[in-house]
Amino acid sequence: MSVIFVLIGASLLVATGFLITFLWAVRSGQMDDRVTPSVRILFDDEPKELENNNNVSSQLTDQEKKELN
């Protein structure tokens, strides 16, 4: 039974250590994302044709969809 108390105490100690490390990382700026905003312009947007096709297909009736397939 005393082993359970030792394990609970050890787990609380480890969890407290992780919490302290996480809070230190957040306060020191480790979680700041400085790369994504500068690289975001390099990513392509979805083509407009794909968006238009999705809108057209949502306006078709069930019968028209069956005819297209």
Protein backbone atom coordinates (compact mmCIF):
# COMPACT_ATOMS: atom_id res chain seq x y z
CA MET A 1 0.00 0.00 0.00
CA SER A 2 2.85 2.38 0.71
CA VAL A 3 4.14 1.87 -2.85
CA ILE A 4 1.00 3.56 -4.19
CA PHE A 5 1.68 6.64 -2.07
CA VAL A 6 5.27 6.76 -3.33
CA LEU A 7 4.12 6.45 -6.95
CA ILE A 8 1.44 9.13 -6.52
CA GLY A 9 4.00 11.46 -4.94
CA ALA A 10 6.51 10.78 -7.73
CA SER A 11 3.89 11.37 -10.42
CA LEU A 12 2.84 14.66 -8.83
CA LEU A 13 6.48 15.72 -8.67
CA VAL A 14 7.01 14.91 -12.36
CA ALA A 15 3.75 16.65 -13.35
CA THR A 16 4.78 19.76 -11.40
CA GLY A 17 8.13 19.72 -13.16
CA PHE A 18 6.48 19.56 -16.57
CA LEU A 19 4.11 22.39 -15.63
CA ILE A 20 6.97 24.61 -14.47
CA THR A 21 8.95 23.84 -17.65
CA PHE A 22 5.94 24.62 -19.83
CA LEU A 23 5.27 27.93 -18.09
CA TRP A 24 8.95 28.88 -18.40
CA ALA A 25 8.86 28.09 -22.14
CA VAL A 26 5.74 30.20 -22.68
CA ARG A 27 7.10 33.18 -20.77
CA SER A 28 10.49 33.08 -22.48
CA GLY A 29 8.93 33.17 -25.97
CA GLN A 30 9.53 29.57 -26.98
CA MET A 31 5.96 29.29 -28.27
CA ASP A 32 6.09 32.39 -30.51
CA ASP A 33 5.70 31.53 -34.18
CA ARG A 34 7.93 33.79 -36.21
CA VAL A 35 8.24 31.60 -39.30
CA THR A 36 4.68 30.96 -40.46
CA PRO A 37 3.65 34.58 -41.10
CA SER A 38 6.66 35.17 -43.33
CA VAL A 39 6.16 31.93 -45.28
CA ARG A 40 2.37 32.10 -45.58
CA ILE A 41 2.59 34.18 -48.76
CA LEU A 42 4.39 31.32 -50.49
CA PHE A 43 1.47 28.89 -50.06
CA ASP A 44 -0.97 28.69 -52.95
CA ASP A 45 -4.62 29.39 -52.36
CA GLU A 46 -7.26 27.01 -53.65
CA PRO A 47 -8.03 27.68 -57.31
CA LYS A 48 -11.21 29.65 -57.95
CA GLU A 49 -12.41 27.03 -60.47
CA LEU A 50 -12.64 24.40 -57.74
CA GLU A 51 -14.71 26.69 -55.54
CA ASN A 52 -17.07 27.49 -58.43
CA ASN A 53 -17.55 23.79 -59.24
CA ASN A 54 -18.44 23.07 -55.63
CA ASN A 55 -21.08 25.81 -55.65
CA VAL A 56 -22.59 24.55 -58.90
CA SER A 57 -22.75 20.95 -57.69
CA SER A 58 -24.49 21.99 -54.50
CA GLN A 59 -27.20 23.72 -56.56
CA LEU A 60 -27.94 20.66 -58.71
CA THR A 61 -30.93 18.48 -57.99
CA ASP A 62 -30.56 14.79 -57.19
CA GLN A 63 -31.72 13.84 -60.70
CA GLU A 64 -29.12 16.10 -62.35
CA LYS A 65 -26.38 14.65 -60.13
CA LYS A 66 -27.37 11.11 -61.20
CA GLU A 67 -27.23 12.14 -64.85
CA LEU A 68 -23.74 13.57 -64.44
CA ASN A 69 -22.45 10.34 -62.89
